[in-house]
Protein backbone atom coordinates (compact mmCIF):
# COMPACT_ATOMS: atom_id res chain seq x y z
CA MET A 1 -30.57 28.01 9.93
CA GLU A 2 -33.84 30.00 9.50
CA LYS A 3 -36.13 29.07 6.65
CA VAL A 4 -37.40 32.02 4.58
CA ILE A 5 -41.19 32.12 4.09
CA TRP A 6 -42.60 34.56 1.55
CA VAL A 7 -45.97 36.02 2.59
CA ILE A 8 -47.99 37.88 -0.06
CA ASP A 9 -51.08 39.77 1.21
CA SER A 10 -52.55 43.20 0.35
CA ASP A 11 -54.06 43.47 3.84
CA ARG A 12 -51.25 44.93 5.91
CA LYS A 13 -52.82 44.05 9.26
CA ALA A 14 -53.46 40.42 8.29
CA MET A 15 -49.97 40.19 6.81
CA LEU A 16 -48.33 41.49 10.00
CA SER A 17 -50.30 38.97 12.02
CA ALA A 18 -49.08 36.16 9.76
CA GLN A 19 -45.52 37.52 10.02
CA ARG A 20 -45.58 37.47 13.83
CA SER A 21 -46.94 33.93 13.92
CA ILE A 22 -44.26 32.67 11.51
CA ASN A 23 -41.36 34.47 13.18
CA SER A 24 -42.43 33.25 16.64
CA THR A 25 -41.26 29.71 15.85
CA GLY A 26 -37.62 30.80 15.75
CA SER A 27 -36.96 28.46 12.84
CA MET A 28 -38.75 30.52 10.19
CA ARG A 29 -38.52 34.11 9.02
CA ALA A 30 -41.36 35.82 7.08
CA PHE A 31 -40.57 38.01 4.06
CA CYS A 32 -43.70 40.18 3.42
CA LEU A 33 -44.92 41.48 0.06
CA LEU A 34 -48.06 43.66 -0.17
CA SER A 35 -48.89 43.40 -3.88
CA TYR A 36 -47.97 42.06 -7.27
CA SER A 37 -45.82 45.15 -7.81
CA ALA A 38 -43.86 44.32 -4.68
CA VAL A 39 -43.39 40.76 -5.90
CA GLU A 40 -42.28 42.03 -9.30
CA ARG A 41 -39.78 44.45 -7.72
CA ALA A 42 -38.42 41.66 -5.52
CA VAL A 43 -37.87 39.47 -8.55
CA GLN A 44 -36.37 42.31 -10.58
CA ALA A 45 -34.19 43.51 -7.70
CA LYS A 46 -32.28 40.23 -7.82
CA ASP A 47 -31.46 37.84 -10.60
CA VAL A 48 -33.37 35.03 -8.97
CA ASP A 49 -31.94 32.43 -11.32
CA ASN A 50 -28.55 33.11 -9.75
CA TRP A 51 -29.67 33.59 -6.17
CA GLY A 52 -27.85 31.79 -3.44
CA ASP A 53 -29.67 29.04 -1.54
CA LYS A 54 -30.26 31.33 1.45
CA ASN A 55 -32.30 33.79 -0.69
CA ILE A 56 -34.65 31.21 -2.15
CA PRO A 57 -37.84 30.79 -0.06
CA SER A 58 -38.52 27.45 1.52
CA LEU A 59 -42.27 28.09 1.15
CA ILE A 60 -44.64 30.73 -0.31
CA VAL A 61 -47.90 31.76 1.40
CA MET A 62 -50.38 33.66 -0.84
CA ASP A 63 -53.56 35.36 0.32
CA TYR A 64 -56.46 34.03 -1.75
CA ARG A 65 -58.38 37.34 -1.89
CA THR A 66 -55.23 39.21 -3.01
CA ALA A 67 -54.53 36.58 -5.65
CA VAL A 68 -58.03 36.82 -7.08
CA ALA A 69 -57.89 40.61 -7.12
CA GLU A 70 -54.67 40.59 -9.18
CA ASP A 71 -55.83 37.65 -11.30
CA PHE A 72 -53.08 35.37 -9.86
CA GLN A 73 -50.33 37.44 -11.54
CA SER A 74 -47.89 36.99 -8.64
CA ILE A 75 -48.30 33.21 -8.79
CA SER A 76 -47.76 33.20 -12.57
CA LEU A 77 -44.63 35.36 -12.23
CA LEU A 78 -43.07 33.17 -9.55
CA LYS A 79 -43.82 29.98 -11.47
CA LYS A 80 -41.77 31.34 -14.38
CA GLN A 81 -38.66 31.67 -12.19
CA GLN A 82 -36.48 28.60 -12.47
CA ALA A 83 -35.02 29.20 -9.01
CA PHE A 84 -38.50 28.77 -7.45
CA ALA A 85 -39.21 25.43 -9.08
CA GLY A 86 -40.46 22.97 -6.48
CA VAL A 87 -41.02 25.60 -3.75
CA PRO A 88 -44.26 24.64 -1.90
CA LEU A 89 -47.24 27.03 -2.30
CA PHE A 90 -49.82 27.59 0.47
CA PHE A 91 -52.96 29.67 0.17
CA MET A 92 -54.53 31.41 3.17
CA THR A 93 -58.08 32.67 3.40
CA GLU A 94 -60.44 34.06 6.06
CA LYS A 95 -63.29 31.74 5.07
CA ARG A 96 -62.77 28.31 3.53
CA SER A 97 -65.26 26.63 1.23
CA GLU A 98 -65.17 23.68 -1.12
CA GLU A 99 -65.15 26.01 -4.15
CA THR A 100 -62.31 28.13 -2.68
CA ASP A 101 -60.17 25.10 -1.85
CA GLU A 102 -60.75 23.61 -5.30
CA GLU A 103 -59.63 26.80 -7.07
CA CYS A 104 -56.56 27.12 -4.80
CA PHE A 105 -55.51 23.55 -5.56
CA GLU A 106 -56.01 24.18 -9.27
CA ARG A 107 -53.61 27.13 -8.98
CA GLY A 108 -50.95 24.85 -7.50
CA ALA A 109 -51.58 25.06 -3.78
CA MET A 110 -50.43 22.17 -1.61
CA VAL A 111 -52.30 23.33 1.49
CA VAL A 112 -55.08 25.87 2.18
CA LEU A 113 -54.89 27.52 5.65
CA GLN A 114 -57.46 29.66 7.40
CA LYS A 115 -56.51 33.08 8.81
CA PRO A 116 -55.39 33.81 11.43
CA PHE A 117 -52.95 30.85 11.65
CA THR A 118 -53.57 28.30 14.32
CA LYS A 119 -50.84 26.41 16.08
CA SER A 120 -51.43 23.38 13.85
CA GLY A 121 -51.34 25.64 10.77
CA ILE A 122 -47.95 27.06 11.78
CA LEU A 123 -46.75 23.50 12.44
CA ARG A 124 -47.79 22.47 8.92
CA LEU A 125 -45.91 25.49 7.52
CA GLU A 126 -42.80 24.55 9.47
CA ARG A 127 -42.94 20.85 8.55
CA MET A 128 -43.47 21.53 4.85
CA ALA A 129 -40.67 24.11 4.76
CA TRP A 130 -38.35 21.60 6.47
CA GLN A 131 -39.30 18.82 4.04
CA HIS A 132 -38.62 21.11 1.10
CA GLU A 133 -35.16 21.99 2.41
CA VAL A 134 -34.35 18.32 2.96
CA THR A 135 -35.53 17.52 -0.55
CA ARG A 136 -33.55 20.41 -1.98
CA ASN A 137 -30.43 19.24 -0.14
CA TYR A 138 -30.95 15.76 -1.52
CA GLU A 139 -31.32 17.25 -4.96
CA LYS A 140 -28.04 19.11 -4.54
CA VAL A 141 -26.35 15.93 -3.38
CA LEU A 142 -27.81 14.03 -6.32
CA GLN A 143 -26.80 16.80 -8.72
CA LYS A 144 -23.28 16.73 -7.31
CA GLN A 145 -23.18 12.96 -7.56
CA ALA A 146 -24.52 13.15 -11.10
CA GLY A 147 -21.86 15.73 -11.93
CA ASP A 148 -19.15 13.60 -10.31
CA LEU A 149 -20.46 10.55 -12.15
CA GLN A 150 -20.43 12.41 -15.43
CA ALA A 151 -16.89 13.61 -14.75
CA ALA A 152 -15.87 10.05 -13.84
CA ARG A 153 -17.43 8.76 -17.04
CA GLU A 154 -15.57 11.38 -19.05
CA ILE A 155 -12.32 10.43 -17.30
CA MET A 156 -13.02 6.75 -17.97
CA ASN A 157 -13.71 7.50 -21.63
CA LEU A 158 -10.51 9.54 -21.85
CA ASN A 159 -8.59 6.71 -20.17
CA LYS A 160 -10.09 4.21 -22.61
CA GLN A 161 -9.13 6.45 -25.52
CA LEU A 162 -5.63 6.86 -24.11
CA LYS A 163 -5.34 3.12 -23.51
CA SER A 164 -6.52 2.42 -27.05
CA ARG A 165 -4.08 4.97 -28.41
CA ASN A 166 -1.17 3.52 -26.43
CA LYS A 167 -2.19 -0.01 -27.44
CA LEU A 168 -2.21 1.06 -31.08
CA LEU A 169 1.17 2.72 -30.68
CA TYR A 170 2.59 -0.43 -29.13
CA GLN A 171 1.02 -2.58 -31.85
CA VAL A 172 2.33 -0.37 -34.64
CA PHE A 173 5.70 0.68 -33.24
CA GLY A 174 6.32 -1.82 -30.45
CA ARG A 175 7.79 -4.30 -32.89
CA TYR A 176 10.23 -1.71 -34.20
CA PHE A 177 11.36 -0.25 -30.86
CA SER A 178 12.11 -1.77 -27.49
CA ASP A 179 9.67 -1.21 -24.62
CA GLN A 180 12.09 1.24 -22.99
CA VAL A 181 12.31 3.39 -26.12
CA MET A 182 8.52 3.29 -26.55
CA GLU A 183 7.97 4.39 -22.94
CA LEU A 184 10.54 7.16 -23.38
CA ILE A 185 8.68 8.45 -26.44
CA LEU A 186 5.24 8.24 -24.76
CA GLU A 187 6.37 9.94 -21.55
CA HIS A 188 8.59 12.51 -23.27
CA PRO A 189 7.26 13.22 -26.77
CA GLU A 190 10.09 15.69 -27.36
CA SER A 191 12.50 12.74 -27.31
CA ALA A 192 10.93 11.54 -30.56
CA ALA A 193 12.69 14.35 -32.42
CA VAL A 194 15.85 13.81 -34.45
CA GLY A 195 18.86 14.10 -32.17
CA GLY A 196 20.53 12.41 -29.24
CA GLU A 197 23.53 12.58 -26.97
CA LYS A 198 27.07 11.32 -26.61
CA LYS A 199 27.66 9.12 -23.59
CA GLU A 200 29.59 6.12 -22.36
CA LEU A 201 27.79 2.91 -23.19
CA THR A 202 28.33 -0.83 -23.18
CA VAL A 203 27.68 -2.36 -26.59
CA MET A 204 26.82 -6.01 -27.20
CA MET A 205 26.73 -7.88 -30.49
CA ALA A 206 25.49 -11.46 -30.77
CA ASP A 207 25.50 -13.58 -33.89
CA LEU A 208 24.50 -17.14 -34.77
CA ARG A 209 27.17 -19.41 -36.15
CA GLY A 210 26.50 -21.12 -39.48
CA PHE A 211 22.97 -19.80 -39.82
CA THR A 212 23.55 -18.78 -43.43
CA SER A 213 24.09 -22.41 -44.37
CA ILE A 214 21.08 -23.56 -42.36
CA SER A 215 18.91 -20.95 -44.04
CA GLU A 216 19.74 -22.44 -47.43
CA GLU A 217 18.13 -25.68 -46.29
CA LEU A 218 14.93 -24.05 -44.96
CA GLU A 219 11.92 -22.52 -46.59
CA PRO A 220 11.61 -18.76 -45.98
CA GLU A 221 8.63 -19.24 -43.66
CA ALA A 222 10.46 -21.83 -41.53
CA MET A 223 13.58 -19.67 -41.43
CA THR A 224 11.53 -16.66 -40.30
CA GLN A 225 9.81 -18.68 -37.57
CA LEU A 226 13.18 -19.92 -36.30
CA LEU A 227 14.63 -16.42 -36.23
CA ASN A 228 11.54 -15.05 -34.49
CA PHE A 229 11.82 -17.72 -31.81
CA TYR A 230 15.54 -17.00 -31.35
CA PHE A 231 15.09 -13.21 -31.29
CA GLY A 232 12.16 -13.50 -28.88
CA LYS A 233 14.30 -15.38 -26.34
CA MET A 234 17.28 -13.03 -26.71
CA VAL A 235 15.24 -9.82 -26.48
CA GLU A 236 13.56 -11.05 -23.28
CA VAL A 237 16.94 -11.76 -21.66
CA ILE A 238 18.43 -8.43 -22.74
CA SER A 239 15.41 -6.53 -21.39
CA ASN A 240 15.61 -8.41 -18.07
CA TYR A 241 19.12 -7.01 -17.60
CA ARG A 242 18.13 -3.41 -18.46
CA GLY A 243 19.50 -3.54 -21.98
CA THR A 244 17.95 -2.06 -25.12
CA VAL A 245 17.88 -3.85 -28.46
CA ILE A 246 18.86 -1.39 -31.17
CA GLU A 247 18.32 -3.60 -34.20
CA PHE A 248 18.51 -7.08 -35.68
CA LEU A 249 21.36 -7.60 -38.11
CA GLY A 250 20.35 -10.60 -40.20
CA ASP A 251 20.72 -13.36 -37.62
CA GLY A 252 22.52 -11.06 -35.19
CA VAL A 253 21.49 -8.68 -32.41
CA LEU A 254 22.89 -5.24 -31.59
CA ALA A 255 22.07 -4.05 -28.07
CA VAL A 256 23.28 -1.35 -25.68
CA PHE A 257 23.39 -1.06 -21.91
CA GLY A 258 23.34 2.30 -20.16
CA ALA A 259 20.71 4.02 -22.35
CA PRO A 260 17.91 4.87 -22.35
CA LEU A 261 17.77 3.08 -18.98
CA ILE A 262 20.52 4.43 -16.76
CA SER A 263 22.53 1.82 -14.87
CA GLU A 264 25.67 2.24 -12.78
CA ASP A 265 26.53 -1.41 -13.50
CA GLN A 266 25.86 -1.32 -17.24
CA THR A 267 28.84 -3.52 -18.20
CA ALA A 268 28.06 -6.06 -15.48
CA ASP A 269 24.47 -6.06 -16.75
CA ALA A 270 25.73 -6.73 -20.27
CA VAL A 271 28.03 -9.58 -19.18
CA ALA A 272 25.28 -11.20 -17.11
CA ALA A 273 22.90 -10.84 -20.06
CA GLY A 274 25.46 -12.44 -22.38
CA ILE A 275 25.84 -15.43 -20.05
CA ALA A 276 22.06 -15.78 -19.72
CA MET A 277 21.71 -15.58 -23.51
CA GLN A 278 24.17 -18.43 -23.98
CA ASN A 279 22.25 -20.49 -21.44
CA CYS A 280 19.03 -19.65 -23.28
CA MET A 281 20.42 -21.29 -26.42
CA GLY A 282 19.37 -24.58 -24.86
CA GLU A 283 15.74 -23.58 -25.42
CA VAL A 284 16.52 -22.45 -28.96
CA ASN A 285 18.15 -25.78 -29.77
CA ALA A 286 15.29 -27.71 -28.16
CA TYR A 287 13.06 -25.91 -30.67
CA CYS A 288 15.49 -26.83 -33.47
CA GLU A 289 15.46 -30.50 -32.45
CA GLN A 290 11.68 -30.47 -32.35
CA GLN A 291 11.57 -29.07 -35.88
CA GLY A 292 14.33 -31.37 -37.15
CA TYR A 293 16.83 -28.56 -37.77
CA SER A 294 20.57 -28.55 -37.13
CA LEU A 295 21.62 -27.22 -33.73
CA LEU A 296 22.75 -23.61 -33.45
CA GLU A 297 25.53 -21.85 -31.59
CA MET A 298 25.97 -18.18 -30.84
CA GLY A 299 28.99 -15.95 -30.31
CA ILE A 300 28.83 -12.74 -28.28
CA GLY A 301 31.14 -9.72 -28.15
CA ILE A 302 30.97 -6.93 -25.52
CA HIS A 303 32.85 -3.62 -25.51
CA ARG A 304 32.54 -0.28 -23.74
CA GLY A 305 33.20 3.29 -24.79
CA GLU A 306 31.74 6.62 -25.87
CA ALA A 307 29.09 6.60 -28.58
CA PHE A 308 26.28 8.75 -29.94
CA ILE A 309 22.85 7.36 -29.13
CA GLY A 310 19.52 8.81 -30.18
CA ASN A 311 17.19 9.28 -33.12
CA VAL A 312 19.00 9.22 -36.44
CA GLY A 313 17.43 10.06 -39.79
CA SER A 314 15.03 12.75 -40.93
CA LYS A 315 11.76 14.20 -39.66
CA LYS A 316 9.84 11.82 -41.91
CA MET A 317 11.85 8.68 -41.19
CA MET A 318 14.20 7.91 -38.34
CA ARG A 319 15.21 5.19 -35.92
CA TYR A 320 16.82 4.88 -32.52
CA ASN A 321 20.45 4.00 -33.15
CA VAL A 322 23.93 3.93 -31.66
CA ILE A 323 26.93 5.18 -33.63
CA GLY A 324 30.62 5.25 -32.81
CA GLY A 325 33.95 3.49 -32.92
CA VAL A 326 32.95 1.35 -29.94
CA VAL A 327 30.27 -0.27 -32.11
CA ASN A 328 32.73 -1.14 -34.85
CA GLU A 329 35.26 -2.50 -32.34
CA CYS A 330 32.55 -4.58 -30.66
CA SER A 331 31.69 -6.07 -34.05
CA ARG A 332 35.33 -7.07 -34.52
CA ILE A 333 35.47 -8.66 -31.07
CA GLU A 334 32.30 -10.62 -31.78
CA SER A 335 33.76 -11.91 -35.05
CA PHE A 336 36.53 -13.65 -33.09
CA SER A 337 34.09 -15.49 -30.83
CA VAL A 338 32.99 -19.05 -31.38
CA GLY A 339 29.75 -20.72 -30.39
CA GLY A 340 29.08 -20.59 -26.66
CA GLN A 341 31.58 -17.81 -26.00
CA VAL A 342 31.13 -14.39 -24.41
CA LEU A 343 34.18 -12.30 -25.33
CA VAL A 344 34.57 -9.09 -23.34
CA SER A 345 37.22 -6.45 -23.96
CA ARG A 346 39.65 -5.98 -21.08
CA GLU A 347 38.79 -2.28 -21.22
CA ALA A 348 35.14 -3.06 -20.46
CA LEU A 349 35.94 -5.79 -17.94
CA ASP A 350 38.03 -3.38 -15.83
CA THR A 351 34.89 -1.31 -15.08
CA ILE A 352 33.14 -4.23 -13.34
CA SER A 353 33.46 -4.28 -9.54
CA CYS A 354 31.90 -7.69 -8.85
CA PRO A 355 33.86 -10.96 -9.32
CA VAL A 356 34.11 -12.27 -12.89
CA GLU A 357 35.27 -15.77 -13.88
CA VAL A 358 37.52 -15.70 -16.93
CA HIS A 359 38.33 -18.91 -18.79
CA ASP A 360 40.78 -17.54 -21.32
CA ARG A 361 42.50 -14.35 -22.45
CA MET A 362 43.81 -13.46 -25.87
CA ALA A 363 45.15 -10.54 -27.86
CA ILE A 364 43.47 -10.04 -31.21
CA MET A 365 44.32 -7.85 -34.15
CA ALA A 366 40.97 -6.45 -35.20
CA LYS A 367 40.47 -4.94 -38.64
CA GLY A 368 40.74 -1.17 -38.47
CA VAL A 369 42.45 -1.26 -35.04
CA HIS A 370 46.17 -0.45 -35.05
CA LYS A 371 47.15 -2.30 -31.89
CA PRO A 372 46.21 -5.66 -30.38
CA VAL A 373 43.02 -5.70 -28.32
CA THR A 374 42.99 -7.88 -25.22
CA VAL A 375 39.73 -9.79 -24.83
CA CYS A 376 38.61 -12.23 -22.15
CA GLU A 377 36.35 -15.23 -22.46
CA VAL A 378 33.97 -14.80 -19.52
CA ILE A 379 32.10 -17.83 -18.22
CA GLY A 380 30.68 -16.50 -14.95
CA ILE A 381 29.89 -13.38 -12.91
CA GLY A 382 29.27 -13.06 -9.18
CA GLY A 383 27.87 -10.25 -7.05
CA SER A 384 24.12 -9.91 -7.26
CA TYR A 385 24.08 -11.79 -10.58
CA GLN A 386 25.51 -15.19 -9.57
CA CYS A 387 25.30 -16.81 -12.97
CA SER A 388 27.62 -18.82 -15.18
CA ILE A 389 27.47 -20.43 -18.59
CA GLY A 390 25.76 -23.74 -17.96
CA ASN A 391 26.25 -25.28 -21.37
CA VAL A 392 29.97 -24.52 -21.68
CA GLU A 393 31.73 -27.81 -22.33
CA PHE A 394 35.46 -27.85 -22.65
CA ASP A 395 34.92 -31.44 -23.64
CA ALA A 396 37.62 -34.07 -23.64
CA LEU A 397 39.09 -34.72 -27.08
CA LYS A 398 39.27 -38.32 -28.23
CA ALA A 399 42.21 -39.64 -30.23
CA VAL A 400 41.28 -40.67 -33.78
CA ASP A 401 42.82 -43.85 -35.19
CA LYS A 402 41.08 -43.67 -38.55
CA TRP A 403 43.04 -41.77 -41.20
CA THR A 404 40.95 -38.65 -41.94
CA VAL A 405 42.08 -35.60 -43.86
CA PHE A 406 40.55 -32.18 -43.15
CA ASN A 407 41.05 -29.89 -46.14
CA LEU A 408 40.69 -26.35 -44.77
CA TYR A 409 39.53 -23.56 -47.09
CA ARG A 410 39.96 -20.12 -45.61
CA ILE A 411 36.91 -17.84 -45.68
CA GLU A 412 37.46 -14.15 -46.41
CA GLY A 413 34.20 -12.28 -45.88
CA LYS A 414 31.74 -14.33 -47.94
CA ARG A 415 34.39 -15.75 -50.29
CA VAL A 416 36.01 -19.18 -49.89
CA SER A 417 39.67 -19.44 -51.00
CA GLY A 418 40.48 -21.80 -53.84
CA GLU A 419 43.57 -23.47 -52.35
CA PRO A 420 43.07 -25.76 -49.32
CA VAL A 421 45.42 -26.40 -46.40
CA SER A 422 45.49 -30.16 -45.87
CA THR A 423 45.59 -31.41 -42.29
CA LEU A 424 45.34 -34.78 -40.60
CA LEU A 425 42.71 -35.28 -37.90
CA MET A 426 44.39 -36.26 -34.61
CA GLN A 427 41.75 -35.67 -31.90
CA PHE A 428 38.03 -35.04 -32.17
CA SER A 429 34.90 -34.08 -30.24
CA ARG A 430 31.54 -32.77 -31.40
CA LYS A 431 32.73 -29.23 -30.75
CA ARG A 432 36.43 -29.24 -31.44
CA ALA A 433 39.12 -30.97 -33.41
CA VAL A 434 42.91 -31.09 -33.20
CA VAL A 435 44.53 -31.36 -36.62
CA GLU A 436 48.13 -31.47 -37.77
CA LEU A 437 49.52 -30.08 -40.97
CA LEU A 438 50.47 -32.89 -43.32
CA ASP A 439 54.23 -33.35 -43.82
CA ASN A 440 53.94 -32.94 -47.58
CA GLU A 441 52.53 -29.42 -47.17
CA GLU A 442 55.08 -26.85 -48.19
CA GLU A 443 53.41 -24.16 -46.08
CA ARG A 444 53.01 -24.00 -42.35
CA THR A 445 50.64 -22.07 -40.13
CA LYS A 446 51.43 -18.43 -39.87
CA GLU A 447 50.80 -17.37 -36.27
CA GLN A 448 49.63 -13.98 -35.13
CA PRO A 449 50.91 -12.52 -31.83
CA VAL A 450 48.92 -14.13 -29.01
CA GLN A 451 49.09 -14.20 -25.22
CA SER A 452 51.14 -17.14 -24.00
CA ASP A 453 48.31 -18.31 -21.73
CA ILE A 454 46.15 -19.33 -24.65
CA LEU A 455 48.63 -22.00 -25.78
CA ALA A 456 48.20 -25.58 -24.64
CA ASP A 457 50.22 -26.63 -21.58
CA GLY A 458 51.70 -23.13 -21.24
CA GLU A 459 53.75 -23.41 -24.45
CA LYS A 460 55.36 -20.28 -25.80
CA ASP A 461 54.36 -19.05 -29.20
CA ASN A 462 56.65 -20.33 -31.97
CA SER A 463 55.89 -18.13 -34.93
CA ARG A 464 56.24 -19.63 -38.37
CA GLY A 465 55.50 -17.85 -41.56
CA GLY A 466 54.25 -18.61 -45.01
CA THR A 467 50.83 -20.30 -44.79
CA GLN A 468 47.36 -19.32 -45.83
CA LEU A 469 45.92 -19.70 -42.32
CA GLU A 470 46.22 -17.45 -39.32
CA LEU A 471 44.96 -17.68 -35.77
CA TYR A 472 41.18 -17.03 -35.63
CA SER A 473 40.78 -17.74 -39.33
CA ASP A 474 37.35 -18.97 -40.40
CA VAL A 475 37.53 -22.07 -42.53
CA GLU A 476 35.28 -24.42 -44.47
CA ILE A 477 36.12 -28.12 -44.02
CA PHE A 478 36.04 -30.85 -46.64
CA ALA A 479 36.80 -34.19 -44.96
CA ALA A 480 38.03 -37.27 -46.84
CA GLY A 481 39.19 -40.77 -45.95
CA LYS A 482 42.49 -42.43 -46.86
CA ASP A 483 40.97 -43.64 -50.13
CA GLY A 484 40.11 -40.05 -51.05
CA ARG A 485 36.36 -40.50 -50.74
CA ALA A 486 34.44 -37.57 -49.24
CA ILE A 487 33.16 -38.00 -45.68
CA PHE A 488 31.48 -34.63 -45.31
CA ASN A 489 31.70 -31.07 -46.55
CA GLY A 490 30.00 -27.75 -45.87
CA VAL A 491 31.18 -27.75 -42.24
CA TYR A 492 32.61 -24.51 -40.84
CA ALA A 493 35.09 -23.86 -38.06
CA LYS A 494 37.40 -21.25 -36.56
CA VAL A 495 41.08 -21.72 -35.78
CA VAL A 496 41.17 -21.00 -32.06
CA LYS A 497 44.71 -22.16 -31.24
CA CYS A 498 47.86 -22.97 -33.12
CA SER A 499 51.22 -24.28 -32.03
CA GLY A 500 53.77 -25.33 -34.57
CA GLN A 501 52.10 -27.77 -36.97
CA GLU A 502 49.13 -28.32 -34.69
CA LEU A 503 45.82 -26.43 -35.01
CA ILE A 504 42.75 -26.53 -32.82
CA LEU A 505 39.45 -25.97 -34.63
CA HIS A 506 36.14 -25.01 -33.07
CA PHE A 507 33.20 -26.04 -35.23
CA THR A 508 30.80 -23.17 -35.95
CA HIS A 509 28.39 -25.00 -38.26
CA ILE A 510 27.76 -28.71 -38.75
CA ASN A 511 25.36 -30.80 -40.84
CA GLN A 512 23.87 -34.29 -40.95
CA SER A 513 26.89 -35.91 -42.66
CA PHE A 514 29.09 -34.46 -39.90
CA GLN A 515 26.72 -35.88 -37.27
CA LYS A 516 26.99 -39.31 -38.87
CA PHE A 517 30.80 -39.08 -38.84
CA ALA A 518 30.76 -37.91 -35.19
CA ASP A 519 28.55 -40.85 -34.19
CA GLU A 520 31.09 -43.26 -35.70
CA ILE A 521 34.12 -41.61 -34.10
CA CYS A 522 32.65 -40.88 -30.67
């Protein structure tokens, strides 16, 4: 590409000679200006500050005699143009002297050449013009790099601000919403508005057994630390199986599978999560042992059906929630579970395609439900999950020779009934007990309709009426010896089987006096 050389000289003949010499190189092209007026018109003809690179001279050659005659006006004008900054300036003169060279250099000249140009003079013009173009190209590269660097810095600052904002959001709201809900809000801000959708979901409810009694023994700070440890373990498991924790209900957890994370195997995810949660109770109880607390058990209920899920509340205050009959029914199913159990409705279980290991089936009459609900106690799931309840112990019951009376007080809600049902302890383990109604009791166990396969040894259900206890009743136990002295109290259990005068109890909360008794019996 030719380099443009401006030549300013009032002597037309000398200027044409300089033009021919410059153009003869083939790499330079002379642009001739006869006077200051011509220079001024050239500047005014174009907005030089916005000229393209090809219009900016690579070098300016000014005749010394012309410059003196016009009092260096052309040089002053060009120096004021920002586009010409850094362009090399040569002076040319017919006769050189020390005084002439000194004045030229004072006016900004880099080189003083004698007219007419010699071959070495043209070579100096060409070399200087080339050096200026190289420098200008470097400057453009550096300017571009500086611009890119500035843009990168701005992007980095914006990223830091965004990261700080997201970190703050997670710090402030992350403890109130699950990670999935937080990500949904951050990626789709419109989803933070009040509203939601109706869809088929799998609902899980988990609840600790006997925690209310344990909490009475602990200071609030210790109780909070225990709950935080328990919730931390459960939330991690639920999240690992694509579930979303909706809220904590005292010592319980309400979670859903199928929203906001979509999963074709939502019920299988929920069942696998329930099994993993039961296995995780080993870590919770290791923490309890370390702190000197009583061991804990957890019951889990799982159900599936249509529900509304989304943001519920007002514009000023709302929360992500799930609402529907399936939630209420799941709560009822969970209430029939004992420690270590995962009870799944048959309706939900039928949607799972992978193998599921069922230990027991039963029909329950849930409050608010007009017909029996079939639920299954699941202890394992195959397919890609391949997990089973590791701490399930259908432990062998040991016959008890020592006369021990279990007085059973039925629990209705939070109220304990005043009249006990007296039973005699026949078999015992640390988890279960087989008791028999005492002969002097006028009332017998009233049995609810149950599936025949939940009765021991395949017995058929022999319904008897007229007692205070029903199948799946929650009871508080006061144990006494033959002499009437108390052995322990404040122990809770659930009636999990009944046949004639025989009841099977599953302990849901124990204490130190119970542990002492168990050590003596076992």
